Amino acid sequence: AAGSIASTKLATALDMKILLVEAGIQTGSNDNENITDPALWLNVVHNDTLEWLFTTVAQTALNNRIISLGFAKGTGGSAMHNAMGYVRGGQKW
């Protein structure tokens, strides 16, 4: 989602056309109910078709646990695995 906002700001400020390319599946009119039904958003996590599956290295302060990092593949990025929630930041940010 941040890429969409950044490209819009660039296009507006520079009076240019910007092409935004995102990896992964197209999510606009997708029939994948894991994306279109907010109640199923947890099915996106750990799904290699919908998620990049990035992890940290073992964290010594956390008993050497490896932490999964949620980065979704598809139009809108990680917005599609956050229960389709959206919170707009303040204007000064």
N, C-alpha and C. Protein backbone atom coordinates (compact mmCIF):
# COMPACT_ATOMS: atom_id res chain seq x y z
N ALA A 1 0.82 -1.19 0.00
CA ALA A 1 0.00 0.00 0.00
C ALA A 1 0.87 1.25 0.00
N ALA A 2 2.01 1.21 0.66
CA ALA A 2 2.87 2.39 0.72
C ALA A 2 3.41 2.74 -0.66
N GLY A 3 3.66 1.74 -1.50
CA GLY A 3 4.13 2.01 -2.86
C GLY A 3 3.12 2.79 -3.66
N SER A 4 1.85 2.50 -3.47
CA SER A 4 0.79 3.22 -4.17
C SER A 4 0.76 4.68 -3.75
N ILE A 5 0.91 4.92 -2.46
CA ILE A 5 0.90 6.29 -1.95
C ILE A 5 2.13 7.04 -2.43
N ALA A 6 3.31 6.41 -2.34
CA ALA A 6 4.54 7.06 -2.77
C ALA A 6 4.52 7.40 -4.25
N SER A 7 4.04 6.48 -5.08
CA SER A 7 4.01 6.75 -6.52
C SER A 7 3.01 7.86 -6.85
N THR A 8 1.90 7.93 -6.14
CA THR A 8 0.94 9.02 -6.35
C THR A 8 1.55 10.36 -5.97
N LYS A 9 2.24 10.40 -4.84
CA LYS A 9 2.88 11.65 -4.40
C LYS A 9 3.94 12.09 -5.40
N LEU A 10 4.75 11.15 -5.89
CA LEU A 10 5.77 11.49 -6.89
C LEU A 10 5.14 12.01 -8.18
N ALA A 11 4.13 11.32 -8.65
CA ALA A 11 3.47 11.73 -9.90
C ALA A 11 2.87 13.12 -9.77
N THR A 12 2.27 13.40 -8.62
CA THR A 12 1.65 14.71 -8.40
C THR A 12 2.70 15.80 -8.27
N ALA A 13 3.73 15.55 -7.48
CA ALA A 13 4.76 16.57 -7.23
C ALA A 13 5.60 16.86 -8.47
N LEU A 14 5.88 15.85 -9.26
CA LEU A 14 6.77 16.01 -10.41
C LEU A 14 6.02 16.16 -11.73
N ASP A 15 4.69 16.09 -11.67
CA ASP A 15 3.85 16.15 -12.87
C ASP A 15 4.34 15.14 -13.90
N MET A 16 4.50 13.91 -13.45
CA MET A 16 4.98 12.84 -14.31
C MET A 16 4.06 11.63 -14.20
N LYS A 17 4.19 10.72 -15.13
CA LYS A 17 3.50 9.44 -15.04
C LYS A 17 4.44 8.44 -14.38
N ILE A 18 3.93 7.70 -13.43
CA ILE A 18 4.72 6.72 -12.69
C ILE A 18 4.10 5.34 -12.89
N LEU A 19 4.92 4.36 -13.20
CA LEU A 19 4.45 2.98 -13.31
C LEU A 19 4.86 2.24 -12.03
N LEU A 20 3.88 1.74 -11.31
CA LEU A 20 4.13 0.97 -10.10
C LEU A 20 3.97 -0.51 -10.42
N VAL A 21 5.03 -1.28 -10.22
CA VAL A 21 5.00 -2.72 -10.48
C VAL A 21 5.16 -3.44 -9.15
N GLU A 22 4.23 -4.32 -8.85
CA GLU A 22 4.30 -5.10 -7.61
C GLU A 22 4.38 -6.58 -7.94
N ALA A 23 5.19 -7.31 -7.19
CA ALA A 23 5.33 -8.75 -7.40
C ALA A 23 4.15 -9.49 -6.80
N GLY A 24 3.94 -10.69 -7.26
CA GLY A 24 2.89 -11.53 -6.69
C GLY A 24 1.64 -11.56 -7.54
N ILE A 25 0.56 -11.99 -6.92
CA ILE A 25 -0.69 -12.17 -7.65
C ILE A 25 -1.46 -10.85 -7.75
N GLN A 26 -2.34 -10.78 -8.73
CA GLN A 26 -3.23 -9.63 -8.85
C GLN A 26 -4.36 -9.83 -7.84
N THR A 27 -4.62 -8.82 -7.04
CA THR A 27 -5.61 -8.98 -5.98
C THR A 27 -6.88 -8.17 -6.21
N GLY A 28 -6.97 -7.43 -7.28
CA GLY A 28 -8.13 -6.57 -7.52
C GLY A 28 -9.44 -7.32 -7.63
N SER A 29 -9.55 -8.23 -8.57
CA SER A 29 -10.80 -8.98 -8.75
C SER A 29 -10.54 -10.46 -8.51
N ASN A 30 -9.69 -10.74 -7.56
CA ASN A 30 -9.26 -12.11 -7.30
C ASN A 30 -10.38 -12.92 -6.65
N ASP A 31 -10.50 -14.17 -7.04
CA ASP A 31 -11.52 -15.03 -6.44
C ASP A 31 -10.96 -15.85 -5.27
N ASN A 32 -9.76 -15.51 -4.81
CA ASN A 32 -9.16 -16.19 -3.66
C ASN A 32 -9.83 -15.66 -2.39
N GLU A 33 -10.66 -16.47 -1.77
CA GLU A 33 -11.41 -15.98 -0.62
C GLU A 33 -10.53 -15.70 0.59
N ASN A 34 -9.31 -16.21 0.62
CA ASN A 34 -8.39 -15.86 1.69
C ASN A 34 -8.04 -14.38 1.66
N ILE A 35 -8.16 -13.76 0.49
CA ILE A 35 -7.88 -12.34 0.35
C ILE A 35 -9.16 -11.52 0.46
N THR A 36 -10.24 -12.00 -0.10
CA THR A 36 -11.47 -11.21 -0.15
C THR A 36 -12.32 -11.30 1.11
N ASP A 37 -12.11 -12.31 1.94
CA ASP A 37 -12.88 -12.46 3.18
C ASP A 37 -11.99 -12.10 4.37
N PRO A 38 -12.25 -10.97 5.04
CA PRO A 38 -11.40 -10.55 6.15
C PRO A 38 -11.26 -11.59 7.26
N ALA A 39 -12.26 -12.43 7.44
CA ALA A 39 -12.21 -13.45 8.50
C ALA A 39 -11.15 -14.52 8.22
N LEU A 40 -10.69 -14.62 6.98
CA LEU A 40 -9.72 -15.65 6.60
C LEU A 40 -8.30 -15.12 6.44
N TRP A 41 -8.03 -13.91 6.92
CA TRP A 41 -6.73 -13.30 6.67
C TRP A 41 -5.57 -14.11 7.23
N LEU A 42 -5.77 -14.90 8.27
CA LEU A 42 -4.68 -15.71 8.81
C LEU A 42 -4.22 -16.80 7.84
N ASN A 43 -5.06 -17.16 6.88
CA ASN A 43 -4.67 -18.15 5.87
C ASN A 43 -3.61 -17.62 4.92
N VAL A 44 -3.43 -16.31 4.88
CA VAL A 44 -2.42 -15.71 4.00
C VAL A 44 -1.03 -15.90 4.60
N VAL A 45 -0.94 -15.82 5.93
CA VAL A 45 0.34 -15.94 6.62
C VAL A 45 0.90 -17.35 6.42
N HIS A 46 2.17 -17.46 6.13
CA HIS A 46 2.88 -18.72 5.88
C HIS A 46 2.41 -19.44 4.62
N ASN A 47 1.83 -18.71 3.69
CA ASN A 47 1.39 -19.26 2.41
C ASN A 47 2.36 -18.73 1.36
N ASP A 48 3.19 -19.60 0.77
CA ASP A 48 4.25 -19.11 -0.12
C ASP A 48 3.74 -18.51 -1.43
N THR A 49 2.48 -18.72 -1.77
CA THR A 49 1.91 -18.06 -2.94
C THR A 49 1.55 -16.62 -2.62
N LEU A 50 1.18 -16.35 -1.38
CA LEU A 50 0.69 -15.03 -0.99
C LEU A 50 1.65 -14.26 -0.10
N GLU A 51 2.71 -14.89 0.36
CA GLU A 51 3.59 -14.29 1.35
C GLU A 51 5.05 -14.56 0.98
N TRP A 52 5.94 -13.60 1.29
CA TRP A 52 7.37 -13.77 0.98
C TRP A 52 8.07 -14.74 1.93
N LEU A 53 7.52 -15.01 3.09
CA LEU A 53 8.08 -15.95 4.08
C LEU A 53 9.45 -15.54 4.60
N PHE A 54 9.67 -14.25 4.82
CA PHE A 54 10.91 -13.77 5.41
C PHE A 54 10.92 -14.07 6.90
N THR A 55 12.11 -14.35 7.43
CA THR A 55 12.27 -14.56 8.87
C THR A 55 13.53 -13.84 9.34
N THR A 56 13.63 -13.66 10.64
CA THR A 56 14.84 -13.09 11.22
C THR A 56 15.86 -14.22 11.44
N VAL A 57 17.05 -13.85 11.81
CA VAL A 57 18.01 -14.85 12.30
C VAL A 57 17.60 -15.17 13.73
N ALA A 58 18.16 -16.21 14.30
CA ALA A 58 17.85 -16.58 15.68
C ALA A 58 18.12 -15.39 16.61
N GLN A 59 17.16 -15.08 17.46
CA GLN A 59 17.26 -13.93 18.37
C GLN A 59 17.71 -14.40 19.75
N THR A 60 18.93 -14.06 20.13
CA THR A 60 19.46 -14.53 21.41
C THR A 60 18.64 -14.04 22.59
N ALA A 61 18.10 -12.84 22.52
CA ALA A 61 17.29 -12.29 23.62
C ALA A 61 15.91 -12.95 23.70
N LEU A 62 15.57 -13.75 22.71
CA LEU A 62 14.27 -14.43 22.68
C LEU A 62 14.44 -15.95 22.65
N ASN A 63 15.41 -16.43 23.42
CA ASN A 63 15.69 -17.87 23.50
C ASN A 63 15.97 -18.48 22.14
N ASN A 64 16.68 -17.74 21.30
CA ASN A 64 17.08 -18.17 19.96
C ASN A 64 15.91 -18.47 19.02
N ARG A 65 14.76 -17.86 19.31
CA ARG A 65 13.62 -18.05 18.40
C ARG A 65 13.84 -17.29 17.10
N ILE A 66 13.28 -17.83 16.04
CA ILE A 66 13.29 -17.18 14.73
C ILE A 66 11.90 -16.60 14.53
N ILE A 67 11.84 -15.32 14.20
CA ILE A 67 10.57 -14.61 14.09
C ILE A 67 10.16 -14.48 12.63
N SER A 68 8.92 -14.81 12.33
CA SER A 68 8.38 -14.64 10.98
C SER A 68 8.03 -13.17 10.77
N LEU A 69 8.35 -12.67 9.59
CA LEU A 69 8.03 -11.29 9.23
C LEU A 69 6.98 -11.30 8.13
N GLY A 70 5.89 -10.63 8.34
CA GLY A 70 4.79 -10.65 7.37
C GLY A 70 4.95 -9.65 6.25
N PHE A 71 5.26 -10.14 5.06
CA PHE A 71 5.33 -9.31 3.86
C PHE A 71 4.58 -10.04 2.76
N ALA A 72 3.41 -9.55 2.41
CA ALA A 72 2.57 -10.24 1.43
C ALA A 72 2.99 -9.91 0.00
N LYS A 73 2.72 -10.85 -0.91
CA LYS A 73 2.95 -10.67 -2.35
C LYS A 73 1.62 -10.30 -2.98
N GLY A 74 1.60 -9.25 -3.76
CA GLY A 74 0.38 -8.90 -4.47
C GLY A 74 0.11 -7.42 -4.45
N THR A 75 -0.86 -7.01 -5.23
CA THR A 75 -1.23 -5.61 -5.32
C THR A 75 -1.67 -5.12 -3.94
N GLY A 76 -1.03 -4.07 -3.47
CA GLY A 76 -1.34 -3.55 -2.14
C GLY A 76 -0.41 -4.07 -1.07
N GLY A 77 0.40 -5.06 -1.41
CA GLY A 77 1.37 -5.59 -0.46
C GLY A 77 0.75 -6.15 0.80
N SER A 78 1.36 -5.83 1.93
CA SER A 78 0.95 -6.43 3.19
C SER A 78 -0.44 -6.01 3.66
N ALA A 79 -1.05 -5.05 3.01
CA ALA A 79 -2.42 -4.67 3.38
C ALA A 79 -3.37 -5.85 3.19
N MET A 80 -3.02 -6.78 2.30
CA MET A 80 -3.94 -7.88 2.06
C MET A 80 -3.90 -8.95 3.15
N HIS A 81 -2.92 -8.92 4.05
CA HIS A 81 -2.95 -9.91 5.13
C HIS A 81 -3.11 -9.26 6.51
N ASN A 82 -3.53 -8.06 6.54
CA ASN A 82 -3.82 -7.39 7.80
C ASN A 82 -5.31 -7.25 8.01
N ALA A 83 -6.06 -8.30 7.78
CA ALA A 83 -7.52 -8.33 7.93
C ALA A 83 -8.18 -7.22 7.12
N MET A 84 -7.51 -6.81 6.04
CA MET A 84 -8.01 -5.74 5.16
C MET A 84 -8.22 -4.44 5.92
N GLY A 85 -7.52 -4.27 7.02
CA GLY A 85 -7.64 -3.05 7.81
C GLY A 85 -6.82 -1.91 7.22
N TYR A 86 -7.21 -0.70 7.51
CA TYR A 86 -6.51 0.47 6.99
C TYR A 86 -6.60 1.59 8.02
N VAL A 87 -5.47 2.15 8.39
CA VAL A 87 -5.44 3.30 9.27
C VAL A 87 -4.56 4.34 8.61
N ARG A 88 -5.12 5.49 8.31
CA ARG A 88 -4.36 6.54 7.63
C ARG A 88 -3.54 7.31 8.65
N GLY A 89 -2.30 7.56 8.31
CA GLY A 89 -1.41 8.31 9.18
C GLY A 89 -1.75 9.79 9.21
N GLY A 90 -1.21 10.50 10.16
CA GLY A 90 -1.43 11.94 10.27
C GLY A 90 -0.80 12.69 9.10
N GLN A 91 -1.30 13.88 8.80
CA GLN A 91 -0.83 14.67 7.66
C GLN A 91 0.66 15.01 7.77
N LYS A 92 1.16 15.27 8.97
CA LYS A 92 2.57 15.68 9.08
C LYS A 92 3.53 14.53 8.85
N TRP A 93 3.05 13.30 8.83
CA TRP A 93 3.91 12.16 8.60
C TRP A 93 3.78 11.72 7.19
